[in-house]
Protein backbone atom coordinates (compact mmCIF):
# COMPACT_ATOMS: atom_id res chain seq x y z
CA UNK A 1 120.89 42.93 101.77
CA UNK A 2 119.22 39.37 101.90
CA UNK A 3 115.83 38.98 99.86
CA UNK A 4 113.76 39.00 103.07
CA UNK A 5 115.12 42.40 103.89
CA UNK A 6 114.29 43.63 100.59
CA UNK A 7 110.80 42.30 100.89
CA UNK A 8 110.38 44.02 104.31
CA UNK A 9 111.79 47.56 102.79
CA UNK A 10 109.56 47.30 99.86
CA UNK A 11 106.59 46.36 102.09
CA UNK A 12 107.18 49.30 104.29
CA UNK A 13 107.40 51.63 101.25
CA UNK A 14 104.09 50.10 100.01
CA UNK A 15 102.49 50.65 103.54
CA UNK A 16 103.64 54.38 103.57
CA UNK A 17 102.46 55.03 99.93
CA UNK A 18 98.94 53.54 100.82
CA UNK A 19 98.85 55.49 104.13
CA UNK A 20 99.72 58.70 102.17
CA UNK A 21 97.08 58.10 99.40
CA UNK A 22 94.44 57.35 102.21
CA UNK A 23 95.42 60.69 104.30
CA UNK A 24 95.18 62.46 100.73
CA UNK A 25 91.89 61.08 99.74
CA UNK A 26 89.99 60.22 102.86
CA UNK A 27 87.40 62.93 102.96
CA UNK A 28 86.56 62.68 99.14
CA UNK A 29 83.57 60.60 99.71
CA UNK A 30 82.22 62.94 102.47
CA UNK A 31 79.95 64.92 99.89
CA UNK A 32 78.87 62.10 97.79
CA UNK A 33 77.87 60.33 101.08
CA UNK A 34 75.45 63.35 101.57
CA UNK A 35 74.12 63.24 97.92
CA UNK A 36 75.82 66.67 97.10
CA UNK A 37 77.58 66.85 93.91
CA UNK A 38 80.71 68.84 93.18
CA UNK A 39 83.93 68.90 91.23
CA UNK A 40 86.13 65.85 91.31
CA UNK A 41 89.09 66.36 93.89
CA UNK A 42 92.65 65.43 93.12
CA UNK A 43 94.53 63.46 95.68
CA UNK A 44 96.18 65.49 98.29
CA UNK A 45 95.26 68.90 96.69
CA UNK A 46 91.46 68.55 96.58
CA UNK A 47 90.12 71.19 94.51
CA UNK A 48 92.92 73.74 95.52
CA UNK A 49 94.63 73.49 91.89
CA UNK A 50 91.50 74.40 90.14
CA UNK A 51 91.18 77.46 92.67
CA UNK A 52 94.62 78.37 92.06
CA UNK A 53 94.28 78.19 88.25
CA UNK A 54 90.96 80.14 87.89
CA UNK A 55 90.68 82.21 91.17
CA UNK A 56 87.90 82.09 93.69
CA UNK A 57 85.56 84.22 91.83
CA UNK A 58 85.68 82.49 88.50
CA UNK A 59 85.55 78.96 90.01
CA UNK A 60 82.56 79.65 92.27
CA UNK A 61 80.61 80.98 89.31
CA UNK A 62 81.78 77.87 87.00
CA UNK A 63 80.78 75.37 89.93
CA UNK A 64 77.37 76.85 90.27
CA UNK A 65 76.65 76.55 86.47
CA UNK A 66 77.77 73.01 86.52
CA UNK A 67 76.32 71.68 89.66
CA UNK A 68 73.53 73.88 90.45
CA UNK A 69 72.37 75.76 93.62
CA UNK A 70 74.24 73.40 96.29
CA UNK A 71 77.55 71.61 95.87
CA UNK A 72 80.87 70.78 97.34
CA UNK A 73 83.82 70.89 97.95
CA UNK A 74 82.24 72.69 101.05
CA UNK A 75 78.58 72.98 101.22
CA UNK A 76 78.13 75.79 98.92
CA UNK A 77 74.75 77.34 97.98
CA UNK A 78 72.80 79.74 96.19
CA UNK A 79 69.71 78.48 97.32
CA UNK A 80 67.92 81.49 99.18
CA UNK A 81 65.57 79.24 101.26
CA UNK A 82 68.58 77.51 102.59
CA UNK A 83 70.29 80.67 103.26
CA UNK A 84 67.41 81.92 105.23
CA UNK A 85 67.09 79.09 107.38
CA UNK A 86 70.90 78.89 107.98
CA UNK A 87 71.61 82.58 108.65
CA UNK A 88 68.43 83.80 109.88
CA UNK A 89 65.75 81.18 111.34
CA UNK A 90 68.28 78.69 112.81
CA UNK A 91 70.77 81.26 113.82
CA UNK A 92 71.28 79.53 117.21
CA UNK A 93 72.67 76.41 115.65
CA UNK A 94 74.84 78.20 112.98
CA UNK A 95 76.46 80.81 115.08
CA UNK A 96 79.94 80.17 114.41
CA UNK A 97 81.39 81.53 111.01
CA UNK A 98 83.61 78.40 110.44
CA UNK A 99 87.09 78.40 108.97
CA UNK A 100 86.34 77.78 105.28
CA UNK A 101 90.16 78.00 104.03
CA UNK A 102 91.50 76.44 107.19
CA UNK A 103 93.90 79.36 107.11
CA UNK A 104 95.74 80.79 109.99
CA UNK A 105 94.19 83.64 111.82
CA UNK A 106 96.69 86.64 111.83
CA UNK A 107 97.50 87.58 115.27
CA UNK A 108 95.70 88.69 117.27
CA UNK A 109 92.76 87.99 115.26
CA UNK A 110 91.67 84.61 117.13
CA UNK A 111 90.38 87.31 119.61
CA UNK A 112 88.30 89.23 117.12
CA UNK A 113 84.39 89.42 116.67
CA UNK A 114 84.83 87.99 113.26
CA UNK A 115 86.26 84.82 114.45
CA UNK A 116 84.52 84.39 117.95
CA UNK A 117 83.31 80.77 118.09
CA UNK A 118 81.70 80.88 121.64
CA UNK A 119 78.20 82.26 121.30
CA UNK A 120 78.58 84.18 124.65
CA UNK A 121 81.86 85.48 123.72
CA UNK A 122 80.62 86.67 120.24
CA UNK A 123 77.51 88.43 122.06
CA UNK A 124 79.77 90.20 124.68
CA UNK A 125 82.06 91.52 122.03
CA UNK A 126 79.33 92.62 119.55
CA UNK A 127 77.17 94.34 122.32
CA UNK A 128 80.42 96.25 123.58
CA UNK A 129 81.38 97.49 120.08
CA UNK A 130 78.12 98.48 118.58
CA UNK A 131 78.24 102.10 120.25
CA UNK A 132 81.26 102.67 118.53
CA UNK A 133 79.82 102.76 115.19
CA UNK A 134 77.86 105.89 115.55
CA UNK A 135 78.56 108.20 112.80
CA UNK A 136 81.52 110.86 113.18
CA UNK A 137 80.15 113.38 110.60
CA UNK A 138 82.87 115.94 110.77
CA UNK A 139 85.81 113.49 110.43
CA UNK A 140 84.06 111.89 107.35
CA UNK A 141 83.42 115.33 106.12
CA UNK A 142 87.07 116.35 106.51
CA UNK A 143 87.94 113.27 104.64
CA UNK A 144 85.69 113.75 101.70
CA UNK A 145 87.07 117.29 101.26
CA UNK A 146 90.52 115.91 101.11
CA UNK A 147 89.24 113.44 98.32
CA UNK A 148 87.63 116.27 96.39
CA UNK A 149 90.96 118.29 96.61
CA UNK A 150 92.93 115.54 95.42
CA UNK A 151 90.75 114.70 92.41
CA UNK A 152 90.70 118.54 91.68
CA UNK A 153 94.55 118.35 91.36
CA UNK A 154 94.39 115.47 89.01
CA UNK A 155 91.89 117.00 86.87
CA UNK A 156 93.93 120.10 86.66
CA UNK A 157 96.99 118.24 85.67
CA UNK A 158 95.02 116.23 83.23
CA UNK A 159 96.03 112.81 84.99
CA UNK A 160 93.92 109.66 84.89
CA UNK A 161 92.39 108.54 88.16
CA UNK A 162 93.54 105.50 89.56
CA UNK A 163 90.35 104.54 91.37
CA UNK A 164 91.45 101.77 93.75
CA UNK A 165 94.36 104.00 95.09
CA UNK A 166 92.13 107.15 95.54
CA UNK A 167 89.48 105.13 97.60
CA UNK A 168 91.81 102.88 99.53
CA UNK A 169 93.38 106.21 100.81
CA UNK A 170 89.85 107.70 101.66
CA UNK A 171 88.71 104.46 103.60
CA UNK A 172 91.87 104.27 105.63
CA UNK A 173 91.60 108.13 106.30
CA UNK A 174 88.12 107.57 107.64
CA UNK A 175 88.94 104.68 109.71
CA UNK A 176 92.14 106.04 111.18
CA UNK A 177 90.11 109.11 112.44
CA UNK A 178 86.85 107.24 113.52
CA UNK A 179 88.38 104.64 115.11
CA UNK A 180 91.94 105.70 116.22
CA UNK A 181 91.75 109.39 116.34
CA UNK A 182 94.30 110.03 114.04
CA UNK A 183 94.49 113.12 111.62
CA UNK A 184 95.91 111.51 108.46
CA UNK A 185 96.19 112.20 104.74
CA UNK A 186 97.38 109.03 103.24
CA UNK A 187 96.99 110.53 99.63
CA UNK A 188 99.78 112.86 100.55
CA UNK A 189 101.77 110.66 102.78
CA UNK A 190 101.76 106.99 101.49
CA UNK A 191 104.70 106.01 103.57
CA UNK A 192 102.94 106.52 107.00
CA UNK A 193 103.93 103.56 109.13
CA UNK A 194 100.13 103.07 110.15
CA UNK A 195 99.17 102.81 106.35
CA UNK A 196 102.20 100.50 105.59
CA UNK A 197 101.43 98.21 108.33
CA UNK A 198 97.75 98.20 107.49
CA UNK A 199 98.34 97.46 103.71
CA UNK A 200 100.77 94.89 104.63
CA UNK A 201 98.02 92.83 106.68
CA UNK A 202 95.37 93.70 104.23
CA UNK A 203 97.47 91.94 101.34
CA UNK A 204 98.06 88.88 103.46
CA UNK A 205 94.72 88.56 104.85
CA UNK A 206 93.07 88.56 101.51
CA UNK A 207 95.50 86.52 99.51
CA UNK A 208 94.98 82.66 98.86
CA UNK A 209 98.44 81.62 97.76
CA UNK A 210 100.71 78.57 97.60
CA UNK A 211 101.39 78.48 101.11
CA UNK A 212 97.93 78.75 102.19
CA UNK A 213 97.09 75.93 99.81
CA UNK A 214 99.84 73.91 101.16
CA UNK A 215 98.64 74.26 104.60
CA UNK A 216 94.92 73.09 103.58
CA UNK A 217 96.56 69.90 102.47
CA UNK A 218 98.88 69.61 105.59
CA UNK A 219 97.31 71.54 108.35
CA UNK A 220 99.39 70.03 111.00
CA UNK A 221 102.43 71.97 109.81
CA UNK A 222 100.47 75.31 110.37
CA UNK A 223 102.51 75.84 113.96
CA UNK A 224 106.00 75.35 112.40
CA UNK A 225 105.28 78.01 109.73
CA UNK A 226 103.67 80.25 112.25
CA UNK A 227 106.58 80.09 114.35
CA UNK A 228 108.99 81.18 111.58
CA UNK A 229 106.51 83.96 110.45
CA UNK A 230 105.81 82.29 107.26
CA UNK A 231 102.06 82.74 107.20
CA UNK A 232 99.60 85.62 107.60
CA UNK A 233 99.83 85.15 111.28
CA UNK A 234 102.82 87.41 111.45
CA UNK A 235 101.34 89.79 109.14
CA UNK A 236 99.20 91.57 112.06
CA UNK A 237 101.89 92.00 114.54
CA UNK A 238 103.22 95.46 113.11
CA UNK A 239 99.71 96.60 113.11
CA UNK A 240 98.87 95.35 116.42
CA UNK A 241 101.99 97.09 117.98
CA UNK A 242 100.74 100.38 116.44
CA UNK A 243 97.39 100.10 118.00
CA UNK A 244 98.91 99.03 121.27
CA UNK A 245 100.98 102.12 121.26
CA UNK A 246 97.96 104.31 120.82
CA UNK A 247 96.24 102.74 123.56
CA UNK A 248 99.14 103.42 125.83
CA UNK A 249 99.20 106.95 124.50
CA UNK A 250 95.45 107.29 125.47
CA UNK A 251 96.00 105.87 128.86
CA UNK A 252 98.61 108.69 129.48
CA UNK A 253 96.24 111.39 128.15
CA UNK A 254 93.54 110.55 130.23
CA UNK A 255 90.08 111.76 129.04
CA UNK A 256 91.27 114.71 127.00
CA UNK A 257 90.76 113.09 123.97
CA UNK A 258 87.74 113.04 121.33
CA UNK A 259 85.39 110.10 121.69
CA UNK A 260 86.44 107.37 119.32
CA UNK A 261 86.45 103.59 119.08
CA UNK A 262 89.88 103.60 121.14
CA UNK A 263 88.39 105.53 123.93
CA UNK A 264 85.20 103.82 124.07
CA UNK A 265 86.94 100.65 124.14
CA UNK A 266 89.35 101.64 126.92
CA UNK A 267 86.38 102.72 129.07
CA UNK A 268 85.22 99.06 128.72
CA UNK A 269 88.78 97.55 129.25
CA UNK A 270 88.97 94.73 131.91
CA UNK A 271 91.35 92.10 133.05
CA UNK A 272 90.81 88.16 131.84
CA UNK A 273 89.64 87.55 135.49
CA UNK A 274 86.89 90.20 135.37
CA UNK A 275 85.83 89.13 132.04
CA UNK A 276 85.63 85.64 133.13
CA UNK A 277 83.63 86.53 136.45
CA UNK A 278 81.06 89.00 134.42
CA UNK A 279 80.83 87.58 130.85
CA UNK A 280 77.42 89.20 130.57
CA UNK A 281 78.82 92.65 130.95
CA UNK A 282 79.96 95.01 128.18
CA UNK A 283 84.00 94.61 128.65
CA UNK A 284 86.75 93.40 126.64
CA UNK A 285 90.70 92.46 127.52
CA UNK A 286 93.40 94.59 126.05
CA UNK A 287 94.03 91.91 123.40
CA UNK A 288 90.59 91.95 122.36
CA UNK A 289 90.42 95.55 121.88
CA UNK A 290 93.35 95.40 119.67
CA UNK A 291 91.80 92.62 117.68
CA UNK A 292 88.57 94.51 117.19
CA UNK A 293 90.70 97.68 116.02
CA UNK A 294 92.14 95.54 113.28
CA UNK A 295 88.80 93.91 112.38
CA UNK A 296 87.19 97.46 111.96
CA UNK A 297 90.36 98.18 109.62
CA UNK A 298 89.77 95.09 107.63
CA UNK A 299 86.01 95.16 107.35
CA UNK A 300 85.98 99.00 106.58
CA UNK A 301 88.69 99.01 104.01
CA UNK A 302 87.41 96.04 102.03
CA UNK A 303 83.74 96.83 101.56
CA UNK A 304 83.73 100.54 101.27
CA UNK A 305 86.93 101.01 99.12
CA UNK A 306 85.81 98.23 96.72
CA UNK A 307 82.33 99.56 96.43
CA UNK A 308 83.39 103.31 95.52
CA UNK A 309 86.04 102.16 92.97
CA UNK A 310 83.51 99.82 91.21
CA UNK A 311 80.89 102.61 91.42
CA UNK A 312 82.89 105.13 89.69
CA UNK A 313 84.09 102.49 87.25
CA UNK A 314 80.72 101.55 86.28
CA UNK A 315 79.31 105.20 86.25
CA UNK A 316 82.13 105.95 83.73
CA UNK A 317 80.96 103.14 81.61
CA UNK A 318 77.22 104.21 81.79
CA UNK A 319 77.29 108.10 81.65
CA UNK A 320 73.31 108.04 81.59
CA UNK A 321 73.34 106.39 84.92
CA UNK A 322 75.75 108.78 86.17
CA UNK A 323 73.76 111.96 84.90
CA UNK A 324 70.68 110.51 86.63
CA UNK A 325 72.66 109.89 89.86
CA UNK A 326 74.04 113.75 89.80
CA UNK A 327 70.57 115.23 88.98
CA UNK A 328 68.82 113.42 91.75
CA UNK A 329 71.59 114.48 94.17
CA UNK A 330 71.00 117.95 92.99
CA UNK A 331 67.39 117.78 93.37
CA UNK A 332 67.62 116.10 97.00
CA UNK A 333 70.21 118.52 98.46
CA UNK A 334 71.23 120.96 95.95
CA UNK A 335 74.66 122.56 97.15
CA UNK A 336 73.94 122.08 100.71
CA UNK A 337 76.88 120.16 102.80
CA UNK A 338 76.35 116.37 102.83
CA UNK A 339 75.45 114.94 106.26
CA UNK A 340 73.92 111.87 107.45
CA UNK A 341 70.37 113.18 107.35
CA UNK A 342 70.35 114.15 103.70
CA UNK A 343 72.48 111.79 101.95
CA UNK A 344 70.96 108.52 103.50
CA UNK A 345 67.54 109.57 102.04
CA UNK A 346 68.54 109.76 98.30
CA UNK A 347 67.05 106.67 96.70
CA UNK A 348 68.88 106.44 93.57
CA UNK A 349 72.15 106.93 95.43
CA UNK A 350 71.36 103.83 97.40
CA UNK A 351 70.15 102.00 94.47
CA UNK A 352 73.40 102.78 92.72
CA UNK A 353 75.53 101.37 95.73
CA UNK A 354 73.42 98.26 95.89
CA UNK A 355 73.73 97.62 92.36
CA UNK A 356 77.53 98.21 92.47
CA UNK A 357 77.54 95.45 95.14
CA UNK A 358 75.60 93.15 93.14
CA UNK A 359 78.02 93.48 90.12
CA UNK A 360 81.09 93.32 92.10
CA UNK A 361 80.46 91.86 95.80
CA UNK A 362 83.70 92.40 97.78
CA UNK A 363 83.70 88.70 99.35
CA UNK A 364 82.98 85.40 97.19
CA UNK A 365 81.02 83.73 100.19
CA UNK A 366 80.05 83.75 103.77
CA UNK A 367 80.18 80.79 105.99
CA UNK A 368 78.37 79.23 109.01
CA UNK A 369 79.27 76.14 110.83
CA UNK A 370 76.64 73.50 112.32
CA UNK A 371 76.82 72.91 116.04
CA UNK A 372 74.24 70.09 115.57
CA UNK A 373 73.22 68.18 112.27
CA UNK A 374 70.31 69.78 110.34
CA UNK A 375 68.46 68.49 107.40
CA UNK A 376 67.02 71.63 105.06
CA UNK A 377 65.28 71.06 101.93
CA UNK A 378 66.51 67.46 101.78
CA UNK A 379 70.18 68.53 102.41
CA UNK A 380 71.92 67.15 105.31
CA UNK A 381 74.22 69.47 107.05
CA UNK A 382 76.24 67.39 109.68
CA UNK A 383 77.44 68.82 112.90
CA UNK A 384 80.60 70.50 112.62
CA UNK A 385 80.49 71.01 108.93
CA UNK A 386 80.71 74.32 107.15
CA UNK A 387 77.91 75.78 104.84
CA UNK A 388 78.47 79.00 102.97
CA UNK A 389 76.32 81.00 100.78
CA UNK A 390 77.77 81.69 97.36
CA UNK A 391 77.52 85.54 97.20
CA UNK A 392 78.88 85.98 93.67
CA UNK A 393 76.98 83.09 92.65
CA UNK A 394 73.64 84.65 93.90
CA UNK A 395 74.23 88.16 92.65
CA UNK A 396 74.89 86.60 89.10
CA UNK A 397 72.01 84.44 89.12
CA UNK A 398 69.85 85.08 86.08
CA UNK A 399 66.73 83.82 87.75
CA UNK A 400 66.99 86.31 90.80
CA UNK A 401 68.63 89.28 88.59
CA UNK A 402 67.65 89.24 85.07
CA UNK A 403 70.37 90.81 82.55
CA UNK A 404 72.84 90.34 85.59
CA UNK A 405 75.51 91.42 83.28
CA UNK A 406 74.21 94.84 82.94
CA UNK A 407 74.57 97.79 85.45
CA UNK A 408 70.76 98.74 86.08
CA UNK A 409 70.49 100.65 89.65
CA UNK A 410 66.64 100.88 88.76
CA UNK A 411 66.39 97.18 89.57
CA UNK A 412 66.44 98.16 93.33
CA UNK A 413 63.28 100.23 92.94
CA UNK A 414 61.61 96.74 92.96
CA UNK A 415 60.13 96.40 96.43
CA UNK A 416 59.92 92.58 96.00
CA UNK A 417 63.69 92.45 96.20
CA UNK A 418 64.16 91.25 99.83
CA UNK A 419 66.36 92.84 102.72
CA UNK A 420 68.53 89.56 102.53
CA UNK A 421 69.35 90.25 98.88
CA UNK A 422 69.89 93.94 99.35
CA UNK A 423 72.38 93.52 102.21
CA UNK A 424 73.92 90.10 101.15
CA UNK A 425 77.31 91.55 100.33
CA UNK A 426 77.56 92.44 104.05
CA UNK A 427 76.51 89.02 105.19
CA UNK A 428 73.19 88.11 106.65
CA UNK A 429 71.64 87.49 110.09
CA UNK A 430 72.91 88.53 113.31
CA UNK A 431 76.28 88.03 112.53
CA UNK A 432 76.14 90.30 109.58
CA UNK A 433 78.89 92.99 109.31
CA UNK A 434 78.66 95.10 112.33
CA UNK A 435 79.96 98.22 110.27
CA UNK A 436 77.37 98.07 107.52
CA UNK A 437 75.51 101.22 108.23
CA UNK A 438 78.66 103.10 108.85
CA UNK A 439 80.24 101.77 105.59
CA UNK A 440 77.10 102.71 103.70
CA UNK A 441 77.19 106.20 105.21
CA UNK A 442 80.98 106.75 104.38
CA UNK A 443 80.26 105.56 100.86
CA UNK A 444 77.37 107.69 100.22
CA UNK A 445 79.32 110.88 101.72
CA UNK A 446 82.02 110.33 99.14
CA UNK A 447 79.74 109.58 96.36
CA UNK A 448 77.78 112.73 96.86
CA UNK A 449 81.08 114.91 97.39
CA UNK A 450 82.68 113.50 94.21
CA UNK A 451 79.66 113.23 91.92
CA UNK A 452 78.43 116.78 92.36
CA UNK A 453 81.84 118.09 91.52
CA UNK A 454 83.28 115.75 88.96
CA UNK A 455 82.14 113.91 85.72
CA UNK A 456 83.85 110.49 85.54
CA UNK A 457 84.72 109.33 81.74
CA UNK A 458 85.68 106.09 80.07
CA UNK A 459 89.08 106.62 78.29
CA UNK A 460 91.06 104.35 75.93
CA UNK A 461 93.05 103.23 79.29
CA UNK A 462 89.77 102.19 81.04
CA UNK A 463 89.70 98.41 80.88
CA UNK A 464 86.63 96.80 79.33
CA UNK A 465 86.10 93.73 81.47
CA UNK A 466 87.58 93.30 84.95
CA UNK A 467 89.28 90.25 85.61
CA UNK A 468 90.24 89.33 89.52
CA UNK A 469 93.25 88.42 90.74
CA UNK A 470 93.32 84.60 91.17
CA UNK A 471 95.17 84.76 94.44
CA UNK A 472 92.64 87.01 96.05
CA UNK A 473 89.77 86.24 98.45
CA UNK A 474 88.18 89.55 97.60
CA UNK A 475 87.37 91.08 94.41
CA UNK A 476 90.78 92.56 93.61
CA UNK A 477 91.07 93.44 89.79
CA UNK A 478 94.32 92.26 88.02
CA UNK A 479 94.88 95.66 86.08
CA UNK A 480 94.24 98.89 87.81
CA UNK A 481 90.98 100.68 86.89
CA UNK A 482 91.78 103.94 85.26
CA UNK A 483 89.20 106.68 84.45
CA UNK A 484 89.29 110.24 83.39
CA UNK A 485 87.57 112.90 85.50
CA UNK A 486 86.36 116.36 84.47
CA UNK A 487 85.13 119.28 86.72
CA UNK A 488 81.48 119.95 86.48
CA UNK A 489 80.48 123.53 85.37
């Protein structure tokens, strides 16, 4: 090669390197231009390396301690005044959730209520779904009895209770029946096809791994990985097929079935053309029905199973609180069968669940996207940007919850604790979790059933401090939570 050829080749390499560096760093001044502090990003990787190393829960807590109530790498805040403005007062400007992690949406989740980005579509889906969240007391009671019998068998054998395994099975049994009309017992049959498909999607949907981080850096490669089934996009296909099969069975059976989510959705089914012609009506397309079925499974599993497993763990570590809860349950309903009417009014039970959600909120954050630029308390939120409430940071804030490291259900006796704080684990505002009421009812039914019959005990195998999986986007412990259980006399 002549010297001019070498010069051209070196020049091209330098240009490519400069362009790559610009691509890997071009957003780094975004938050400094908004006068928002935060961790210094690494070229190409941004803050993903720190998230991988520490995990979302630990890193969100560390960033809050270092940078205060509002910081990058997205606009993340624990300032409750800003949270109220974004999630409640100015909801019409912050309707969309925003895709914080830039992850692919598992099929067919782009059609779900959770990811609806058009206000009219979101409103239609929510209004159509709302009637399906009435409480099916008979089915939940059956699941509670199955839960109680399983725990009794463990106590008779002297075996320890793996609380995650127990309550995952319970919550999926409840959802399988209330949403899909299935009579299941996953504590006995863990090889069920529905359970396996559900757990596969739940694992992938709640994991932030290397591939997700890679696609945050190079989002234009997402279609390639999705085509070959390399992302969580493919995780929901098996579950979607199972739900679609149930839909077809319902169509063949006609109306001779119990009224549950699938039946109510089938009654509201419409074609794309009909939905487009009457967008204000309460109806859905078939793919939207399947997406909502998966949404119910994801939302119901995460919040309720996590709340129950951490509640039992905290009660085992705090036997005085456990006895107080037991006595208040007995004083309120005695030996009467638990029902919606009698369990929802037990104040200390509600306090216990709220405090459990405070100690271990299922999700790190909840986000909203700005349609138009807003300035709130001096903070500029540009149009199209995402702002999120750091739920874990709020719940661990000493100024909001003194002695935050202690399990104190009595703190929720304070009438000055706002509804926002009491319900923040479920989100806030009009886009708060649509199944919150049903989730609390399901959790309270299980709690009353098991606390009346069993005493949960800390054993040598019970871990002292819970550490979360670094790859998880929900509060999933690294080590199994094991406790002992004894039948009450």
